[in-house]
Amino acid sequence: MVKHEGSSKTFGPRYGWTIKKKYDKIMQEQKALHKCPYCNKEKVKRVSTGIWHCGGCSTKFTSKAYTVAKTKV
């Protein structure tokens, strides 16, 4: 029996291990703290799909759905 880790535990034996590994990777990236493009602090959290909030400078901005996009300098 395979021991499942991460957020894919909720799926149980359904959907196969490849999809569950991809899902876990996306969820870990989404839940992690990200670097703010305005103040460069790692305090950005996801509020909703594509909406992010920085706890350092209290800025709300849009970016990608699961991660903050890298800005071109």
PDB file of N, CA and C in Angstrom:
ATOM      1  N   MET A   1       0.844  -1.180   0.000  1.00  0.00           N
ATOM      2  CA  MET A   1       0.000   0.000   0.000  1.00  0.00           C
ATOM      3  C   MET A   1       0.885   1.239   0.000  1.00  0.00           C
ATOM      4  N   VAL A   2       0.537   2.203  -0.806  1.00  0.00           N
ATOM      5  CA  VAL A   2       1.312   3.431  -0.945  1.00  0.00           C
ATOM      6  C   VAL A   2       0.829   4.453   0.074  1.00  0.00           C
ATOM      7  N   LYS A   3       1.770   5.106   0.752  1.00  0.00           N
ATOM      8  CA  LYS A   3       1.408   6.144   1.717  1.00  0.00           C
ATOM      9  C   LYS A   3       1.380   7.490   0.983  1.00  0.00           C
ATOM     10  N   HIS A   4       0.246   8.161   1.009  1.00  0.00           N
ATOM     11  CA  HIS A   4       0.094   9.449   0.337  1.00  0.00           C
ATOM     12  C   HIS A   4       0.426  10.574   1.289  1.00  0.00           C
ATOM     13  N   GLU A   5       1.060  11.589   0.772  1.00  0.00           N
ATOM     14  CA  GLU A   5       1.423  12.744   1.582  1.00  0.00           C
ATOM     15  C   GLU A   5       0.880  14.006   0.925  1.00  0.00           C
ATOM     16  N   GLY A   6       0.844  15.079   1.700  1.00  0.00           N
ATOM     17  CA  GLY A   6       0.415  16.361   1.153  1.00  0.00           C
ATOM     18  C   GLY A   6      -1.084  16.455   1.006  1.00  0.00           C
ATOM     19  N   SER A   7      -1.525  17.346   0.116  1.00  0.00           N
ATOM     20  CA  SER A   7      -2.949  17.596  -0.054  1.00  0.00           C
ATOM     21  C   SER A   7      -3.658  16.517  -0.840  1.00  0.00           C
ATOM     22  N   SER A   8      -2.921  15.636  -1.502  1.00  0.00           N
ATOM     23  CA  SER A   8      -3.568  14.604  -2.305  1.00  0.00           C
ATOM     24  C   SER A   8      -4.142  13.480  -1.446  1.00  0.00           C
ATOM     25  N   LYS A   9      -3.932  13.527  -0.129  1.00  0.00           N
ATOM     26  CA  LYS A   9      -4.494  12.500   0.749  1.00  0.00           C
ATOM     27  C   LYS A   9      -6.010  12.484   0.663  1.00  0.00           C
ATOM     28  N   THR A  10      -6.611  13.611   0.355  1.00  0.00           N
ATOM     29  CA  THR A  10      -8.076  13.687   0.327  1.00  0.00           C
ATOM     30  C   THR A  10      -8.668  12.886  -0.818  1.00  0.00           C
ATOM     31  N   PHE A  11      -7.876  12.563  -1.839  1.00  0.00           N
ATOM     32  CA  PHE A  11      -8.391  11.836  -2.994  1.00  0.00           C
ATOM     33  C   PHE A  11      -8.442  10.329  -2.773  1.00  0.00           C
ATOM     34  N   GLY A  12      -7.694   9.826  -1.792  1.00  0.00           N
ATOM     35  CA  GLY A  12      -7.672   8.394  -1.531  1.00  0.00           C
ATOM     36  C   GLY A  12      -7.079   7.627  -2.707  1.00  0.00           C
ATOM     37  N   PRO A  13      -7.681   6.496  -3.092  1.00  0.00           N
ATOM     38  CA  PRO A  13      -7.123   5.689  -4.182  1.00  0.00           C
ATOM     39  C   PRO A  13      -7.510   6.165  -5.584  1.00  0.00           C
ATOM     40  N   ARG A  14      -8.217   7.254  -5.681  1.00  0.00           N
ATOM     41  CA  ARG A  14      -8.712   7.714  -6.988  1.00  0.00           C
ATOM     42  C   ARG A  14      -7.689   8.566  -7.743  1.00  0.00           C
ATOM     43  N   TYR A  15      -7.805   8.629  -9.043  1.00  0.00           N
ATOM     44  CA  TYR A  15      -7.136   9.537  -9.976  1.00  0.00           C
ATOM     45  C   TYR A  15      -5.691   9.210 -10.331  1.00  0.00           C
ATOM     46  N   GLY A  16      -5.027   8.296  -9.694  1.00  0.00           N
ATOM     47  CA  GLY A  16      -3.673   7.909 -10.085  1.00  0.00           C
ATOM     48  C   GLY A  16      -2.599   8.778  -9.456  1.00  0.00           C
ATOM     49  N   TRP A  17      -1.388   8.207  -9.338  1.00  0.00           N
ATOM     50  CA  TRP A  17      -0.303   8.886  -8.618  1.00  0.00           C
ATOM     51  C   TRP A  17       0.299  10.037  -9.394  1.00  0.00           C
ATOM     52  N   THR A  18       0.295   9.998 -10.740  1.00  0.00           N
ATOM     53  CA  THR A  18       0.891  11.073 -11.532  1.00  0.00           C
ATOM     54  C   THR A  18       0.139  12.382 -11.331  1.00  0.00           C
ATOM     55  N   ILE A  19      -1.170  12.316 -11.411  1.00  0.00           N
ATOM     56  CA  ILE A  19      -1.993  13.515 -11.235  1.00  0.00           C
ATOM     57  C   ILE A  19      -1.889  14.032  -9.813  1.00  0.00           C
ATOM     58  N   LYS A  20      -1.852  13.125  -8.840  1.00  0.00           N
ATOM     59  CA  LYS A  20      -1.755  13.541  -7.444  1.00  0.00           C
ATOM     60  C   LYS A  20      -0.415  14.198  -7.130  1.00  0.00           C
ATOM     61  N   LYS A  21       0.671  13.729  -7.759  1.00  0.00           N
ATOM     62  CA  LYS A  21       1.974  14.366  -7.554  1.00  0.00           C
ATOM     63  C   LYS A  21       1.985  15.778  -8.136  1.00  0.00           C
ATOM     64  N   LYS A  22       1.384  15.953  -9.314  1.00  0.00           N
ATOM     65  CA  LYS A  22       1.294  17.288  -9.915  1.00  0.00           C
ATOM     66  C   LYS A  22       0.447  18.208  -9.045  1.00  0.00           C
ATOM     67  N   TYR A  23      -0.659  17.695  -8.524  1.00  0.00           N
ATOM     68  CA  TYR A  23      -1.539  18.475  -7.654  1.00  0.00           C
ATOM     69  C   TYR A  23      -0.813  18.909  -6.389  1.00  0.00           C
ATOM     70  N   ASP A  24      -0.051  18.002  -5.778  1.00  0.00           N
ATOM     71  CA  ASP A  24       0.717  18.336  -4.575  1.00  0.00           C
ATOM     72  C   ASP A  24       1.729  19.434  -4.850  1.00  0.00           C
ATOM     73  N   LYS A  25       2.405  19.358  -5.978  1.00  0.00           N
ATOM     74  CA  LYS A  25       3.413  20.363  -6.330  1.00  0.00           C
ATOM     75  C   LYS A  25       2.781  21.744  -6.496  1.00  0.00           C
ATOM     76  N   ILE A  26       1.632  21.797  -7.171  1.00  0.00           N
ATOM     77  CA  ILE A  26       0.924  23.066  -7.363  1.00  0.00           C
ATOM     78  C   ILE A  26       0.447  23.624  -6.031  1.00  0.00           C
ATOM     79  N   MET A  27      -0.102  22.776  -5.173  1.00  0.00           N
ATOM     80  CA  MET A  27      -0.621  23.237  -3.888  1.00  0.00           C
ATOM     81  C   MET A  27       0.496  23.729  -2.969  1.00  0.00           C
ATOM     82  N   GLN A  28       1.647  23.085  -2.983  1.00  0.00           N
ATOM     83  CA  GLN A  28       2.770  23.546  -2.175  1.00  0.00           C
ATOM     84  C   GLN A  28       3.239  24.914  -2.641  1.00  0.00           C
ATOM     85  N   GLU A  29       3.299  25.123  -3.962  1.00  0.00           N
ATOM     86  CA  GLU A  29       3.717  26.417  -4.506  1.00  0.00           C
ATOM     87  C   GLU A  29       2.701  27.500  -4.153  1.00  0.00           C
ATOM     88  N   GLN A  30       1.429  27.156  -4.215  1.00  0.00           N
ATOM     89  CA  GLN A  30       0.363  28.123  -3.937  1.00  0.00           C
ATOM     90  C   GLN A  30       0.350  28.540  -2.470  1.00  0.00           C
ATOM     91  N   LYS A  31       0.546  27.610  -1.552  1.00  0.00           N
ATOM     92  CA  LYS A  31       0.457  27.905  -0.124  1.00  0.00           C
ATOM     93  C   LYS A  31       1.721  28.546   0.444  1.00  0.00           C
ATOM     94  N   ALA A  32       2.822  28.489  -0.279  1.00  0.00           N
ATOM     95  CA  ALA A  32       4.084  29.049   0.211  1.00  0.00           C
ATOM     96  C   ALA A  32       4.030  30.581   0.215  1.00  0.00           C
ATOM     97  N   LEU A  33       4.898  31.190   1.026  1.00  0.00           N
ATOM     98  CA  LEU A  33       5.016  32.644   1.014  1.00  0.00           C
ATOM     99  C   LEU A  33       5.847  33.056  -0.193  1.00  0.00           C
ATOM    100  N   HIS A  34       5.436  34.135  -0.848  1.00  0.00           N
ATOM    101  CA  HIS A  34       6.113  34.613  -2.046  1.00  0.00           C
ATOM    102  C   HIS A  34       6.708  35.991  -1.806  1.00  0.00           C
ATOM    103  N   LYS A  35       7.598  36.393  -2.685  1.00  0.00           N
ATOM    104  CA  LYS A  35       8.265  37.688  -2.578  1.00  0.00           C
ATOM    105  C   LYS A  35       7.392  38.769  -3.215  1.00  0.00           C
ATOM    106  N   CYS A  36       7.210  39.873  -2.494  1.00  0.00           N
ATOM    107  CA  CYS A  36       6.395  40.986  -2.985  1.00  0.00           C
ATOM    108  C   CYS A  36       7.148  41.748  -4.071  1.00  0.00           C
ATOM    109  N   PRO A  37       6.503  42.046  -5.203  1.00  0.00           N
ATOM    110  CA  PRO A  37       7.178  42.811  -6.252  1.00  0.00           C
ATOM    111  C   PRO A  37       7.345  44.292  -5.905  1.00  0.00           C
ATOM    112  N   TYR A  38       6.675  44.767  -4.851  1.00  0.00           N
ATOM    113  CA  TYR A  38       6.745  46.180  -4.484  1.00  0.00           C
ATOM    114  C   TYR A  38       7.755  46.439  -3.366  1.00  0.00           C
ATOM    115  N   CYS A  39       7.712  45.614  -2.298  1.00  0.00           N
ATOM    116  CA  CYS A  39       8.596  45.867  -1.158  1.00  0.00           C
ATOM    117  C   CYS A  39       9.687  44.803  -0.989  1.00  0.00           C
ATOM    118  N   ASN A  40       9.698  43.769  -1.812  1.00  0.00           N
ATOM    119  CA  ASN A  40      10.684  42.681  -1.809  1.00  0.00           C
ATOM    120  C   ASN A  40      10.727  41.867  -0.514  1.00  0.00           C
ATOM    121  N   LYS A  41       9.650  41.877   0.273  1.00  0.00           N
ATOM    122  CA  LYS A  41       9.567  41.039   1.460  1.00  0.00           C
ATOM    123  C   LYS A  41       8.835  39.748   1.091  1.00  0.00           C
ATOM    124  N   GLU A  42       9.171  38.663   1.764  1.00  0.00           N
ATOM    125  CA  GLU A  42       8.500  37.393   1.508  1.00  0.00           C
ATOM    126  C   GLU A  42       7.285  37.256   2.419  1.00  0.00           C
ATOM    127  N   LYS A  43       6.256  38.050   2.139  1.00  0.00           N
ATOM    128  CA  LYS A  43       5.049  38.038   2.962  1.00  0.00           C
ATOM    129  C   LYS A  43       3.779  38.027   2.121  1.00  0.00           C
ATOM    130  N   VAL A  44       3.876  37.576   0.884  1.00  0.00           N
ATOM    131  CA  VAL A  44       2.719  37.594  -0.012  1.00  0.00           C
ATOM    132  C   VAL A  44       1.968  36.273   0.105  1.00  0.00           C
ATOM    133  N   LYS A  45       0.660  36.370   0.338  1.00  0.00           N
ATOM    134  CA  LYS A  45      -0.214  35.211   0.412  1.00  0.00           C
ATOM    135  C   LYS A  45      -1.329  35.358  -0.612  1.00  0.00           C
ATOM    136  N   ARG A  46      -1.872  34.239  -1.027  1.00  0.00           N
ATOM    137  CA  ARG A  46      -2.963  34.232  -2.000  1.00  0.00           C
ATOM    138  C   ARG A  46      -4.289  34.485  -1.291  1.00  0.00           C
ATOM    139  N   VAL A  47      -5.064  35.428  -1.799  1.00  0.00           N
ATOM    140  CA  VAL A  47      -6.389  35.733  -1.255  1.00  0.00           C
ATOM    141  C   VAL A  47      -7.445  34.937  -2.002  1.00  0.00           C
ATOM    142  N   SER A  48      -7.365  34.967  -3.321  1.00  0.00           N
ATOM    143  CA  SER A  48      -8.288  34.270  -4.199  1.00  0.00           C
ATOM    144  C   SER A  48      -7.544  33.944  -5.480  1.00  0.00           C
ATOM    145  N   THR A  49      -8.217  33.355  -6.444  1.00  0.00           N
ATOM    146  CA  THR A  49      -7.570  32.999  -7.701  1.00  0.00           C
ATOM    147  C   THR A  49      -7.030  34.241  -8.383  1.00  0.00           C
ATOM    148  N   GLY A  50      -5.708  34.343  -8.464  1.00  0.00           N
ATOM    149  CA  GLY A  50      -5.062  35.466  -9.137  1.00  0.00           C
ATOM    150  C   GLY A  50      -4.971  36.739  -8.319  1.00  0.00           C
ATOM    151  N   ILE A  51      -5.461  36.755  -7.084  1.00  0.00           N
ATOM    152  CA  ILE A  51      -5.400  37.946  -6.228  1.00  0.00           C
ATOM    153  C   ILE A  51      -4.478  37.638  -5.056  1.00  0.00           C
ATOM    154  N   TRP A  52      -3.490  38.497  -4.862  1.00  0.00           N
ATOM    155  CA  TRP A  52      -2.462  38.298  -3.844  1.00  0.00           C
ATOM    156  C   TRP A  52      -2.405  39.493  -2.911  1.00  0.00           C
ATOM    157  N   HIS A  53      -2.027  39.256  -1.647  1.00  0.00           N
ATOM    158  CA  HIS A  53      -1.940  40.320  -0.650  1.00  0.00           C
ATOM    159  C   HIS A  53      -0.603  40.238   0.068  1.00  0.00           C
ATOM    160  N   CYS A  54       0.084  41.375   0.164  1.00  0.00           N
ATOM    161  CA  CYS A  54       1.361  41.441   0.868  1.00  0.00           C
ATOM    162  C   CYS A  54       1.109  41.886   2.299  1.00  0.00           C
ATOM    163  N   GLY A  55       1.625  41.124   3.256  1.00  0.00           N
ATOM    164  CA  GLY A  55       1.483  41.467   4.662  1.00  0.00           C
ATOM    165  C   GLY A  55       2.465  42.541   5.096  1.00  0.00           C
ATOM    166  N   GLY A  56       3.515  42.763   4.316  1.00  0.00           N
ATOM    167  CA  GLY A  56       4.524  43.763   4.659  1.00  0.00           C
ATOM    168  C   GLY A  56       4.089  45.174   4.331  1.00  0.00           C
ATOM    169  N   CYS A  57       3.621  45.375   3.089  1.00  0.00           N
ATOM    170  CA  CYS A  57       3.256  46.730   2.663  1.00  0.00           C
ATOM    171  C   CYS A  57       1.750  46.883   2.434  1.00  0.00           C
ATOM    172  N   SER A  58       0.956  45.868   2.774  1.00  0.00           N
ATOM    173  CA  SER A  58      -0.514  45.873   2.645  1.00  0.00           C
ATOM    174  C   SER A  58      -0.982  46.185   1.234  1.00  0.00           C
ATOM    175  N   THR A  59      -0.267  45.696   0.244  1.00  0.00           N
ATOM    176  CA  THR A  59      -0.642  45.900  -1.151  1.00  0.00           C
ATOM    177  C   THR A  59      -1.408  44.696  -1.646  1.00  0.00           C
ATOM    178  N   LYS A  60      -2.484  44.945  -2.381  1.00  0.00           N
ATOM    179  CA  LYS A  60      -3.232  43.890  -3.026  1.00  0.00           C
ATOM    180  C   LYS A  60      -3.004  44.029  -4.520  1.00  0.00           C
ATOM    181  N   PHE A  61      -2.651  42.936  -5.185  1.00  0.00           N
ATOM    182  CA  PHE A  61      -2.370  43.004  -6.616  1.00  0.00           C
ATOM    183  C   PHE A  61      -2.754  41.691  -7.283  1.00  0.00           C
ATOM    184  N   THR A  62      -2.780  41.692  -8.604  1.00  0.00           N
ATOM    185  CA  THR A  62      -3.117  40.497  -9.359  1.00  0.00           C
ATOM    186  C   THR A  62      -1.853  39.909  -9.982  1.00  0.00           C
ATOM    187  N   SER A  63      -1.886  38.608 -10.157  1.00  0.00           N
ATOM    188  CA  SER A  63      -0.781  37.897 -10.779  1.00  0.00           C
ATOM    189  C   SER A  63      -1.313  36.565 -11.287  1.00  0.00           C
ATOM    190  N   LYS A  64      -0.451  35.577 -11.418  1.00  0.00           N
ATOM    191  CA  LYS A  64      -0.886  34.262 -11.875  1.00  0.00           C
ATOM    192  C   LYS A  64      -1.785  33.609 -10.833  1.00  0.00           C
ATOM    193  N   ALA A  65      -2.468  32.548 -11.225  1.00  0.00           N
ATOM    194  CA  ALA A  65      -3.435  31.898 -10.342  1.00  0.00           C
ATOM    195  C   ALA A  65      -2.786  31.190  -9.165  1.00  0.00           C
ATOM    196  N   TYR A  66      -1.655  30.504  -9.382  1.00  0.00           N
ATOM    197  CA  TYR A  66      -1.069  29.695  -8.334  1.00  0.00           C
ATOM    198  C   TYR A  66       0.246  30.212  -7.801  1.00  0.00           C
ATOM    199  N   THR A  67       0.841  31.201  -8.445  1.00  0.00           N
ATOM    200  CA  THR A  67       2.115  31.753  -8.006  1.00  0.00           C
ATOM    201  C   THR A  67       2.225  33.211  -8.439  1.00  0.00           C
ATOM    202  N   VAL A  68       3.096  33.943  -7.798  1.00  0.00           N
ATOM    203  CA  VAL A  68       3.317  35.342  -8.172  1.00  0.00           C
ATOM    204  C   VAL A  68       4.262  35.356  -9.363  1.00  0.00           C
ATOM    205  N   ALA A  69       3.882  36.076 -10.400  1.00  0.00           N
ATOM    206  CA  ALA A  69       4.692  36.136 -11.621  1.00  0.00           C
ATOM    207  C   ALA A  69       5.970  36.923 -11.375  1.00  0.00           C
ATOM    208  N   LYS A  70       7.020  36.502 -12.024  1.00  0.00           N
ATOM    209  CA  LYS A  70       8.292  37.226 -11.951  1.00  0.00           C
ATOM    210  C   LYS A  70       8.178  38.482 -12.804  1.00  0.00           C
ATOM    211  N   THR A  71       8.522  39.618 -12.229  1.00  0.00           N
ATOM    212  CA  THR A  71       8.442  40.869 -12.979  1.00  0.00           C
ATOM    213  C   THR A  71       9.728  41.079 -13.752  1.00  0.00           C
ATOM    214  N   LYS A  72       9.620  41.624 -14.945  1.00  0.00           N
ATOM    215  CA  LYS A  72      10.785  41.924 -15.754  1.00  0.00           C
ATOM    216  C   LYS A  72      11.352  43.277 -15.339  1.00  0.00           C
ATOM    217  N   VAL A  73      12.634  43.328 -15.092  1.00  0.00           N
ATOM    218  CA  VAL A  73      13.266  44.565 -14.662  1.00  0.00           C
ATOM    219  C   VAL A  73      14.006  45.188 -15.805  1.00  0.00           C
TER     220      VAL A  73
END
